[in-house]
Amino acid sequence: MSTKYILHGGNAQDVNQANTKFFQEALAQYDEQANVLLVQFAAIAEKQSVYKQRHVAQFERAMGQKNLSFQVADEDSFDNQLQWADVVYFSGSSGGTTRLLDALSKVKNLAKKLSGKTVAGESAGANCLATHCFSRSGGVMSCLGIVPVNLVTHYEAGDELEIKHLNNGLEVVVLKNYEYRTFII
């Protein structure tokens, strides 16, 4: 069963047409109902409720007539929550790639657990899904390798030079804020 991965360049919390399309893409294959798991491990504890409100509002703007159920991921219940979820949304946060990678690295067989779902990653969430990423706060980083690309989020001209030297045969994907790209794996 294939899995739909949607990588977003950043600032998905901003209300604009490009971000609405991103959230619509995350819900596209669900006609009437979807369970959405908000994975906010990149954010510090004090920001969790604010992030939840922002993410739920973005999904609700994009949902049309769909009925959505939401849960915020908890590291202790994460395996069960992944089973429940149709859509898994990995959100970012300033400097959050390392925090998110640390949390997700503890999950055994994560790619298998995501199989058949729609998985959307924004900023740090997209970075973690890639094989390697470039982050201004962390430089070039090895990531989970679930989506076989080298990724630059929050792209600005010249950023690709930071990651092109890897020469690992993988495509370098650059995404500006509000841009996204879909991969079926």
Protein backbone atom coordinates (compact mmCIF):
# COMPACT_ATOMS: atom_id res chain seq x y z
CA MET A 1 0.00 0.00 0.00
CA SER A 2 1.46 3.36 -0.97
CA THR A 3 1.87 6.29 1.36
CA LYS A 4 1.36 9.92 0.41
CA TYR A 5 4.02 12.26 1.80
CA ILE A 6 3.58 16.02 1.49
CA LEU A 7 6.61 18.14 2.34
CA HIS A 8 6.01 21.84 3.05
CA GLY A 9 8.65 24.57 3.06
CA GLY A 10 7.48 26.37 6.19
CA ASN A 11 5.11 28.80 7.83
CA ALA A 12 2.06 26.59 7.28
CA GLN A 13 0.32 28.38 10.15
CA ASP A 14 -0.08 31.53 8.04
CA VAL A 15 -3.53 31.96 6.52
CA ASN A 16 -3.17 32.18 2.74
CA GLN A 17 -4.32 30.36 -0.39
CA ALA A 18 -1.08 28.35 -0.78
CA ASN A 19 -1.37 26.94 2.74
CA THR A 20 -5.06 26.17 2.30
CA LYS A 21 -4.13 24.10 -0.78
CA PHE A 22 -1.49 22.26 1.28
CA PHE A 23 -4.02 21.29 3.95
CA GLN A 24 -6.58 20.37 1.26
CA GLU A 25 -3.96 18.08 -0.29
CA ALA A 26 -3.48 16.41 3.10
CA LEU A 27 -7.23 15.68 3.26
CA ALA A 28 -7.83 15.00 -0.44
CA GLN A 29 -8.19 11.22 -0.33
CA TYR A 30 -10.76 11.26 2.48
CA ASP A 31 -14.32 11.83 1.33
CA GLU A 32 -16.31 12.17 4.53
CA GLN A 33 -14.20 11.64 7.63
CA ALA A 34 -10.55 11.67 8.68
CA ASN A 35 -8.64 11.23 11.92
CA VAL A 36 -5.80 13.76 12.10
CA LEU A 37 -2.83 13.26 14.40
CA LEU A 38 -0.96 16.49 15.16
CA VAL A 39 2.67 15.62 15.92
CA GLN A 40 4.05 18.71 17.65
CA PHE A 41 7.20 17.21 19.18
CA ALA A 42 9.28 19.99 17.57
CA ALA A 43 7.61 22.62 19.75
CA ILE A 44 8.48 23.41 23.33
CA ALA A 45 5.83 22.52 25.93
CA GLU A 46 4.70 26.13 26.45
CA LYS A 47 3.70 26.40 22.76
CA GLN A 48 1.66 23.18 22.48
CA SER A 49 -1.82 24.66 22.97
CA VAL A 50 -1.15 27.58 20.61
CA TYR A 51 0.17 25.21 17.94
CA LYS A 52 -2.83 22.91 18.31
CA GLN A 53 -5.23 25.84 17.80
CA ARG A 54 -3.35 27.01 14.70
CA HIS A 55 -3.14 23.55 13.12
CA VAL A 56 -6.76 22.65 13.81
CA ALA A 57 -7.87 25.99 12.35
CA GLN A 58 -5.84 25.38 9.15
CA PHE A 59 -7.29 21.88 8.69
CA GLU A 60 -10.81 23.20 9.36
CA ARG A 61 -10.36 25.93 6.72
CA ALA A 62 -9.46 23.23 4.21
CA MET A 63 -11.90 20.46 5.19
CA GLY A 64 -14.96 21.39 3.16
CA GLN A 65 -17.78 19.07 4.26
CA LYS A 66 -15.49 16.50 5.91
CA ASN A 67 -15.82 15.51 9.55
CA LEU A 68 -12.40 15.68 11.21
CA SER A 69 -11.27 14.26 14.54
CA PHE A 70 -8.02 15.50 16.09
CA GLN A 71 -5.51 14.21 18.59
CA VAL A 72 -2.23 15.75 19.68
CA ALA A 73 0.52 13.15 19.67
CA ASP A 74 1.95 12.03 22.96
CA GLU A 75 5.26 10.15 23.03
CA ASP A 76 3.87 7.53 25.45
CA SER A 77 0.78 6.80 23.29
CA PHE A 78 2.30 7.47 19.89
CA ASP A 79 2.11 3.90 18.53
CA ASN A 80 -1.62 3.64 19.33
CA GLN A 81 -2.26 7.12 17.97
CA LEU A 82 -0.54 6.20 14.69
CA GLN A 83 -2.91 3.24 14.32
CA TRP A 84 -5.90 5.58 14.87
CA ALA A 85 -4.71 8.26 12.42
CA ASP A 86 -5.56 8.64 8.75
CA VAL A 87 -3.50 11.84 8.41
CA VAL A 88 -0.28 12.39 10.35
CA TYR A 89 0.87 16.01 10.46
CA PHE A 90 4.44 16.67 11.61
CA SER A 91 4.66 20.37 12.36
CA GLY A 92 7.75 22.47 12.73
CA SER A 93 8.90 25.04 15.22
CA SER A 94 11.82 27.41 15.39
CA GLY A 95 14.91 25.25 15.87
CA GLY A 96 12.66 22.19 16.11
CA THR A 97 14.33 19.78 13.69
CA THR A 98 16.66 18.39 16.35
CA ARG A 99 13.86 18.06 18.95
CA LEU A 100 11.61 16.29 16.46
CA LEU A 101 14.38 14.00 15.20
CA ASP A 102 15.23 13.03 18.78
CA ALA A 103 11.62 12.07 19.50
CA LEU A 104 11.00 10.25 16.20
CA SER A 105 14.29 8.34 16.33
CA LYS A 106 12.90 6.45 19.34
CA VAL A 107 9.97 5.08 17.31
CA LYS A 108 10.72 1.63 15.93
CA ASN A 109 9.61 0.97 12.33
CA LEU A 110 8.14 4.46 11.89
CA ALA A 111 7.98 4.20 8.08
CA LYS A 112 6.01 0.97 8.36
CA LYS A 113 3.65 2.53 10.90
CA LEU A 114 3.00 5.42 8.47
CA SER A 115 2.28 3.06 5.58
CA GLY A 116 -0.99 3.71 3.77
CA LYS A 117 -1.60 7.05 5.47
CA THR A 118 -1.27 10.63 4.35
CA VAL A 119 1.78 12.13 6.02
CA ALA A 120 2.33 15.88 5.90
CA GLY A 121 5.45 17.54 7.23
CA GLU A 122 6.02 21.25 7.56
CA SER A 123 9.44 22.86 8.14
CA ALA A 124 11.11 20.67 10.80
CA GLY A 125 8.43 18.06 10.13
CA ALA A 126 9.41 17.90 6.46
CA ASN A 127 13.11 17.96 7.31
CA CYS A 128 12.83 14.90 9.54
CA LEU A 129 11.12 12.84 6.83
CA ALA A 130 13.92 13.51 4.30
CA THR A 131 17.22 11.64 4.09
CA HIS A 132 19.23 14.80 4.73
CA CYS A 133 18.17 18.38 5.32
CA PHE A 134 19.70 21.80 5.63
CA SER A 135 18.54 23.90 8.54
CA ARG A 136 19.97 27.31 9.39
CA SER A 137 19.94 26.38 13.07
CA GLY A 138 21.54 22.95 12.60
CA GLY A 139 23.36 22.99 9.26
CA VAL A 140 23.29 19.81 7.15
CA MET A 141 21.70 17.01 9.13
CA SER A 142 21.08 13.30 8.62
CA CYS A 143 17.38 12.65 9.02
CA LEU A 144 15.03 9.63 9.01
CA GLY A 145 15.30 8.89 5.28
CA ILE A 146 11.63 8.02 4.85
CA VAL A 147 11.37 10.29 1.80
CA PRO A 148 14.58 9.74 -0.21
CA VAL A 149 15.53 13.36 -0.91
CA ASN A 150 17.93 15.99 0.35
CA LEU A 151 15.71 18.83 1.52
CA VAL A 152 15.99 22.55 2.09
CA THR A 153 12.97 24.21 3.74
CA HIS A 154 12.50 27.97 4.18
CA TYR A 155 14.56 28.16 0.99
CA GLU A 156 16.47 31.30 0.10
CA ALA A 157 18.74 31.63 -2.94
CA GLY A 158 22.02 29.79 -2.41
CA ASP A 159 20.78 27.48 0.36
CA GLU A 160 21.00 24.49 -1.99
CA LEU A 161 24.79 24.90 -2.04
CA GLU A 162 24.84 23.81 1.61
CA ILE A 163 23.50 20.35 0.73
CA LYS A 164 24.55 19.70 -2.90
CA HIS A 165 28.01 18.56 -1.80
CA LEU A 166 26.54 15.33 -0.39
CA ASN A 167 26.66 13.71 -3.86
CA ASN A 168 24.53 10.81 -2.63
CA GLY A 169 22.49 10.50 -5.82
CA LEU A 170 19.36 11.92 -4.21
CA GLU A 171 17.39 14.82 -5.60
CA VAL A 172 17.88 18.15 -3.84
CA VAL A 173 14.40 19.53 -3.14
CA VAL A 174 14.14 23.21 -2.25
CA LEU A 175 10.91 24.56 -0.82
CA LYS A 176 10.24 28.21 -0.05
CA ASN A 177 7.78 29.14 2.65
CA TYR A 178 4.24 28.13 1.58
CA GLU A 179 5.49 25.74 -1.13
CA TYR A 180 4.93 22.02 -0.94
CA ARG A 181 5.64 18.90 -2.90
CA THR A 182 3.90 15.52 -2.83
CA PHE A 183 5.63 12.13 -3.00
CA ILE A 184 3.91 8.74 -3.31
CA ILE A 185 6.07 5.99 -1.84
